[in-house]
Amino acid sequence: MNAVLAGFRGFAAYLGGVLGADAYKKYLEHHEAAGHTSPPLTERDFWRDRTDRQDTNPQGRCC
């Protein structure tokens, strides 16, 4: 049963990565690794900025 649960969690993590659900987590990791002195954006501000940039500079995407 644990193997099935681990497989499901792995698939869910993969799917979240494909859909971009982990983008804020990756942003925080990059922000820390790059040594920025300013505080990171809040999650709400991050998503707002990301969608605004996609609207002003559309690139190839499925939807």
PDB file of N, CA and C in Angstrom:
ATOM      1  N   MET A   1       0.819  -1.195   0.000  1.00  0.00           N
ATOM      2  CA  MET A   1       0.000   0.000   0.000  1.00  0.00           C
ATOM      3  C   MET A   1       0.866   1.264   0.000  1.00  0.00           C
ATOM      4  N   ASN A   2       1.988   1.233   0.713  1.00  0.00           N
ATOM      5  CA  ASN A   2       2.874   2.386   0.753  1.00  0.00           C
ATOM      6  C   ASN A   2       3.459   2.688  -0.621  1.00  0.00           C
ATOM      7  N   ALA A   3       3.733   1.647  -1.396  1.00  0.00           N
ATOM      8  CA  ALA A   3       4.282   1.846  -2.735  1.00  0.00           C
ATOM      9  C   ALA A   3       3.262   2.539  -3.636  1.00  0.00           C
ATOM     10  N   VAL A   4       2.007   2.179  -3.507  1.00  0.00           N
ATOM     11  CA  VAL A   4       0.949   2.803  -4.307  1.00  0.00           C
ATOM     12  C   VAL A   4       0.814   4.272  -3.921  1.00  0.00           C
ATOM     13  N   LEU A   5       0.855   4.542  -2.632  1.00  0.00           N
ATOM     14  CA  LEU A   5       0.756   5.915  -2.147  1.00  0.00           C
ATOM     15  C   LEU A   5       1.949   6.750  -2.601  1.00  0.00           C
ATOM     16  N   ALA A   6       3.131   6.169  -2.531  1.00  0.00           N
ATOM     17  CA  ALA A   6       4.334   6.879  -2.987  1.00  0.00           C
ATOM     18  C   ALA A   6       4.269   7.130  -4.488  1.00  0.00           C
ATOM     19  N   GLY A   7       3.770   6.174  -5.236  1.00  0.00           N
ATOM     20  CA  GLY A   7       3.611   6.349  -6.677  1.00  0.00           C
ATOM     21  C   GLY A   7       2.618   7.455  -7.004  1.00  0.00           C
ATOM     22  N   PHE A   8       1.528   7.499  -6.276  1.00  0.00           N
ATOM     23  CA  PHE A   8       0.527   8.540  -6.490  1.00  0.00           C
ATOM     24  C   PHE A   8       1.102   9.916  -6.160  1.00  0.00           C
ATOM     25  N   ARG A   9       1.838  10.015  -5.066  1.00  0.00           N
ATOM     26  CA  ARG A   9       2.445  11.302  -4.685  1.00  0.00           C
ATOM     27  C   ARG A   9       3.459  11.747  -5.737  1.00  0.00           C
ATOM     28  N   GLY A  10       4.228  10.809  -6.240  1.00  0.00           N
ATOM     29  CA  GLY A  10       5.186  11.139  -7.290  1.00  0.00           C
ATOM     30  C   GLY A  10       4.497  11.638  -8.547  1.00  0.00           C
ATOM     31  N   PHE A  11       3.429  10.978  -8.933  1.00  0.00           N
ATOM     32  CA  PHE A  11       2.672  11.400 -10.109  1.00  0.00           C
ATOM     33  C   PHE A  11       2.049  12.775  -9.895  1.00  0.00           C
ATOM     34  N   ALA A  12       1.514  13.010  -8.691  1.00  0.00           N
ATOM     35  CA  ALA A  12       0.917  14.311  -8.385  1.00  0.00           C
ATOM     36  C   ALA A  12       1.972  15.413  -8.439  1.00  0.00           C
ATOM     37  N   ALA A  13       3.162  15.149  -7.937  1.00  0.00           N
ATOM     38  CA  ALA A  13       4.243  16.132  -7.979  1.00  0.00           C
ATOM     39  C   ALA A  13       4.657  16.398  -9.428  1.00  0.00           C
ATOM     40  N   TYR A  14       4.745  15.347 -10.230  1.00  0.00           N
ATOM     41  CA  TYR A  14       5.091  15.499 -11.640  1.00  0.00           C
ATOM     42  C   TYR A  14       4.038  16.340 -12.364  1.00  0.00           C
ATOM     43  N   LEU A  15       2.795  16.029 -12.141  1.00  0.00           N
ATOM     44  CA  LEU A  15       1.709  16.752 -12.796  1.00  0.00           C
ATOM     45  C   LEU A  15       1.701  18.219 -12.361  1.00  0.00           C
ATOM     46  N   GLY A  16       1.941  18.463 -11.089  1.00  0.00           N
ATOM     47  CA  GLY A  16       2.019  19.837 -10.604  1.00  0.00           C
ATOM     48  C   GLY A  16       3.155  20.595 -11.264  1.00  0.00           C
ATOM     49  N   GLY A  17       4.280  19.922 -11.506  1.00  0.00           N
ATOM     50  CA  GLY A  17       5.405  20.554 -12.187  1.00  0.00           C
ATOM     51  C   GLY A  17       5.080  20.886 -13.633  1.00  0.00           C
ATOM     52  N   VAL A  18       4.402  19.983 -14.300  1.00  0.00           N
ATOM     53  CA  VAL A  18       4.030  20.211 -15.693  1.00  0.00           C
ATOM     54  C   VAL A  18       3.061  21.382 -15.806  1.00  0.00           C
ATOM     55  N   LEU A  19       2.149  21.489 -14.868  1.00  0.00           N
ATOM     56  CA  LEU A  19       1.146  22.550 -14.905  1.00  0.00           C
ATOM     57  C   LEU A  19       1.654  23.873 -14.332  1.00  0.00           C
ATOM     58  N   GLY A  20       2.825  23.861 -13.718  1.00  0.00           N
ATOM     59  CA  GLY A  20       3.395  25.087 -13.178  1.00  0.00           C
ATOM     60  C   GLY A  20       2.960  25.410 -11.769  1.00  0.00           C
ATOM     61  N   ALA A  21       2.350  24.464 -11.089  1.00  0.00           N
ATOM     62  CA  ALA A  21       1.875  24.710  -9.729  1.00  0.00           C
ATOM     63  C   ALA A  21       3.018  24.941  -8.748  1.00  0.00           C
ATOM     64  N   ASP A  22       4.209  24.475  -9.085  1.00  0.00           N
ATOM     65  CA  ASP A  22       5.356  24.635  -8.193  1.00  0.00           C
ATOM     66  C   ASP A  22       6.210  25.854  -8.544  1.00  0.00           C
ATOM     67  N   ALA A  23       5.694  26.744  -9.363  1.00  0.00           N
ATOM     68  CA  ALA A  23       6.468  27.903  -9.820  1.00  0.00           C
ATOM     69  C   ALA A  23       6.852  28.826  -8.666  1.00  0.00           C
ATOM     70  N   TYR A  24       5.957  29.034  -7.713  1.00  0.00           N
ATOM     71  CA  TYR A  24       6.271  29.923  -6.590  1.00  0.00           C
ATOM     72  C   TYR A  24       7.363  29.316  -5.721  1.00  0.00           C
ATOM     73  N   LYS A  25       7.296  28.013  -5.510  1.00  0.00           N
ATOM     74  CA  LYS A  25       8.331  27.330  -4.727  1.00  0.00           C
ATOM     75  C   LYS A  25       9.686  27.471  -5.418  1.00  0.00           C
ATOM     76  N   LYS A  26       9.706  27.288  -6.729  1.00  0.00           N
ATOM     77  CA  LYS A  26      10.955  27.439  -7.482  1.00  0.00           C
ATOM     78  C   LYS A  26      11.451  28.887  -7.429  1.00  0.00           C
ATOM     79  N   TYR A  27      10.533  29.843  -7.471  1.00  0.00           N
ATOM     80  CA  TYR A  27      10.898  31.248  -7.370  1.00  0.00           C
ATOM     81  C   TYR A  27      11.566  31.527  -6.025  1.00  0.00           C
ATOM     82  N   LEU A  28      10.994  31.006  -4.941  1.00  0.00           N
ATOM     83  CA  LEU A  28      11.580  31.218  -3.617  1.00  0.00           C
ATOM     84  C   LEU A  28      12.970  30.588  -3.516  1.00  0.00           C
ATOM     85  N   GLU A  29      13.129  29.392  -4.081  1.00  0.00           N
ATOM     86  CA  GLU A  29      14.435  28.734  -4.070  1.00  0.00           C
ATOM     87  C   GLU A  29      15.454  29.555  -4.851  1.00  0.00           C
ATOM     88  N   HIS A  30      15.063  30.055  -5.998  1.00  0.00           N
ATOM     89  CA  HIS A  30      15.964  30.881  -6.808  1.00  0.00           C
ATOM     90  C   HIS A  30      16.288  32.191  -6.086  1.00  0.00           C
ATOM     91  N   HIS A  31      15.303  32.803  -5.494  1.00  0.00           N
ATOM     92  CA  HIS A  31      15.488  34.073  -4.793  1.00  0.00           C
ATOM     93  C   HIS A  31      16.533  33.914  -3.686  1.00  0.00           C
ATOM     94  N   GLU A  32      16.434  32.825  -2.954  1.00  0.00           N
ATOM     95  CA  GLU A  32      17.387  32.577  -1.870  1.00  0.00           C
ATOM     96  C   GLU A  32      18.773  32.235  -2.418  1.00  0.00           C
ATOM     97  N   ALA A  33      18.821  31.392  -3.445  1.00  0.00           N
ATOM     98  CA  ALA A  33      20.111  30.968  -3.997  1.00  0.00           C
ATOM     99  C   ALA A  33      20.850  32.123  -4.670  1.00  0.00           C
ATOM    100  N   ALA A  34      20.109  33.060  -5.246  1.00  0.00           N
ATOM    101  CA  ALA A  34      20.735  34.182  -5.945  1.00  0.00           C
ATOM    102  C   ALA A  34      21.236  35.248  -4.981  1.00  0.00           C
ATOM    103  N   GLY A  35      20.880  35.144  -3.711  1.00  0.00           N
ATOM    104  CA  GLY A  35      21.370  36.068  -2.708  1.00  0.00           C
ATOM    105  C   GLY A  35      20.735  37.443  -2.737  1.00  0.00           C
ATOM    106  N   HIS A  36      19.494  37.523  -3.167  1.00  0.00           N
ATOM    107  CA  HIS A  36      18.801  38.804  -3.174  1.00  0.00           C
ATOM    108  C   HIS A  36      18.657  39.332  -1.745  1.00  0.00           C
ATOM    109  N   THR A  37      18.848  40.624  -1.577  1.00  0.00           N
ATOM    110  CA  THR A  37      18.710  41.212  -0.244  1.00  0.00           C
ATOM    111  C   THR A  37      17.293  41.690   0.026  1.00  0.00           C
ATOM    112  N   SER A  38      16.524  41.928  -1.019  1.00  0.00           N
ATOM    113  CA  SER A  38      15.134  42.352  -0.838  1.00  0.00           C
ATOM    114  C   SER A  38      14.276  41.128  -0.501  1.00  0.00           C
ATOM    115  N   PRO A  39      13.181  41.353   0.211  1.00  0.00           N
ATOM    116  CA  PRO A  39      12.298  40.223   0.523  1.00  0.00           C
ATOM    117  C   PRO A  39      11.623  39.711  -0.756  1.00  0.00           C
ATOM    118  N   PRO A  40      11.324  38.425  -0.810  1.00  0.00           N
ATOM    119  CA  PRO A  40      10.649  37.891  -2.001  1.00  0.00           C
ATOM    120  C   PRO A  40       9.218  38.390  -2.088  1.00  0.00           C
ATOM    121  N   LEU A  41       8.660  38.285  -3.279  1.00  0.00           N
ATOM    122  CA  LEU A  41       7.250  38.634  -3.469  1.00  0.00           C
ATOM    123  C   LEU A  41       6.381  37.685  -2.646  1.00  0.00           C
ATOM    124  N   THR A  42       5.237  38.174  -2.245  1.00  0.00           N
ATOM    125  CA  THR A  42       4.270  37.269  -1.623  1.00  0.00           C
ATOM    126  C   THR A  42       3.741  36.342  -2.710  1.00  0.00           C
ATOM    127  N   GLU A  43       3.139  35.249  -2.301  1.00  0.00           N
ATOM    128  CA  GLU A  43       2.640  34.307  -3.300  1.00  0.00           C
ATOM    129  C   GLU A  43       1.585  34.964  -4.181  1.00  0.00           C
ATOM    130  N   ARG A  44       0.733  35.767  -3.593  1.00  0.00           N
ATOM    131  CA  ARG A  44      -0.308  36.457  -4.362  1.00  0.00           C
ATOM    132  C   ARG A  44       0.314  37.406  -5.388  1.00  0.00           C
ATOM    133  N   ASP A  45       1.302  38.194  -4.955  1.00  0.00           N
ATOM    134  CA  ASP A  45       1.962  39.129  -5.866  1.00  0.00           C
ATOM    135  C   ASP A  45       2.741  38.393  -6.954  1.00  0.00           C
ATOM    136  N   PHE A  46       3.336  37.253  -6.596  1.00  0.00           N
ATOM    137  CA  PHE A  46       4.064  36.460  -7.585  1.00  0.00           C
ATOM    138  C   PHE A  46       3.136  36.014  -8.707  1.00  0.00           C
ATOM    139  N   TRP A  47       1.995  35.439  -8.335  1.00  0.00           N
ATOM    140  CA  TRP A  47       1.069  34.943  -9.365  1.00  0.00           C
ATOM    141  C   TRP A  47       0.481  36.077 -10.195  1.00  0.00           C
ATOM    142  N   ARG A  48       0.212  37.211  -9.538  1.00  0.00           N
ATOM    143  CA  ARG A  48      -0.307  38.371 -10.266  1.00  0.00           C
ATOM    144  C   ARG A  48       0.717  38.841 -11.293  1.00  0.00           C
ATOM    145  N   ASP A  49       1.979  38.956 -10.877  1.00  0.00           N
ATOM    146  CA  ASP A  49       3.039  39.382 -11.776  1.00  0.00           C
ATOM    147  C   ASP A  49       3.220  38.390 -12.928  1.00  0.00           C
ATOM    148  N   ARG A  50       3.177  37.121 -12.606  1.00  0.00           N
ATOM    149  CA  ARG A  50       3.363  36.093 -13.646  1.00  0.00           C
ATOM    150  C   ARG A  50       2.260  36.149 -14.698  1.00  0.00           C
ATOM    151  N   THR A  51       1.014  36.270 -14.266  1.00  0.00           N
ATOM    152  CA  THR A  51      -0.075  36.328 -15.245  1.00  0.00           C
ATOM    153  C   THR A  51      -0.053  37.634 -16.022  1.00  0.00           C
ATOM    154  N   ASP A  52       0.330  38.740 -15.362  1.00  0.00           N
ATOM    155  CA  ASP A  52       0.445  40.010 -16.082  1.00  0.00           C
ATOM    156  C   ASP A  52       1.516  39.920 -17.174  1.00  0.00           C
ATOM    157  N   ARG A  53       2.654  39.310 -16.854  1.00  0.00           N
ATOM    158  CA  ARG A  53       3.723  39.164 -17.856  1.00  0.00           C
ATOM    159  C   ARG A  53       3.281  38.255 -19.001  1.00  0.00           C
ATOM    160  N   GLN A  54       2.536  37.209 -18.710  1.00  0.00           N
ATOM    161  CA  GLN A  54       2.051  36.332 -19.769  1.00  0.00           C
ATOM    162  C   GLN A  54       1.036  37.026 -20.648  1.00  0.00           C
ATOM    163  N   ASP A  55       0.246  37.916 -20.078  1.00  0.00           N
ATOM    164  CA  ASP A  55      -0.751  38.634 -20.873  1.00  0.00           C
ATOM    165  C   ASP A  55      -0.097  39.672 -21.780  1.00  0.00           C
ATOM    166  N   THR A  56       0.959  40.340 -21.286  1.00  0.00           N
ATOM    167  CA  THR A  56       1.610  41.377 -22.089  1.00  0.00           C
ATOM    168  C   THR A  56       2.591  40.794 -23.096  1.00  0.00           C
ATOM    169  N   ASN A  57       3.083  39.582 -22.845  1.00  0.00           N
ATOM    170  CA  ASN A  57       4.058  38.970 -23.739  1.00  0.00           C
ATOM    171  C   ASN A  57       3.672  37.504 -23.965  1.00  0.00           C
ATOM    172  N   PRO A  58       2.583  37.273 -24.695  1.00  0.00           N
ATOM    173  CA  PRO A  58       2.138  35.897 -24.897  1.00  0.00           C
ATOM    174  C   PRO A  58       3.149  35.082 -25.700  1.00  0.00           C
ATOM    175  N   GLN A  59       3.357  33.876 -25.244  1.00  0.00           N
ATOM    176  CA  GLN A  59       4.240  32.948 -25.942  1.00  0.00           C
ATOM    177  C   GLN A  59       3.447  31.689 -26.224  1.00  0.00           C
ATOM    178  N   GLY A  60       4.031  30.814 -27.003  1.00  0.00           N
ATOM    179  CA  GLY A  60       3.336  29.595 -27.355  1.00  0.00           C
ATOM    180  C   GLY A  60       2.949  28.796 -26.137  1.00  0.00           C
ATOM    181  N   ARG A  61       1.683  28.556 -25.975  1.00  0.00           N
ATOM    182  CA  ARG A  61       1.184  27.716 -24.904  1.00  0.00           C
ATOM    183  C   ARG A  61      -0.090  27.042 -25.387  1.00  0.00           C
ATOM    184  N   CYS A  62      -0.498  26.037 -24.696  1.00  0.00           N
ATOM    185  CA  CYS A  62      -1.615  25.246 -25.202  1.00  0.00           C
ATOM    186  C   CYS A  62      -2.952  25.956 -25.120  1.00  0.00           C
ATOM    187  N   CYS A  63      -3.134  26.868 -24.166  1.00  0.00           N
ATOM    188  CA  CYS A  63      -4.467  27.443 -23.945  1.00  0.00           C
ATOM    189  C   CYS A  63      -4.478  28.944 -24.121  1.00  0.00           C
TER     190      CYS A  63
END
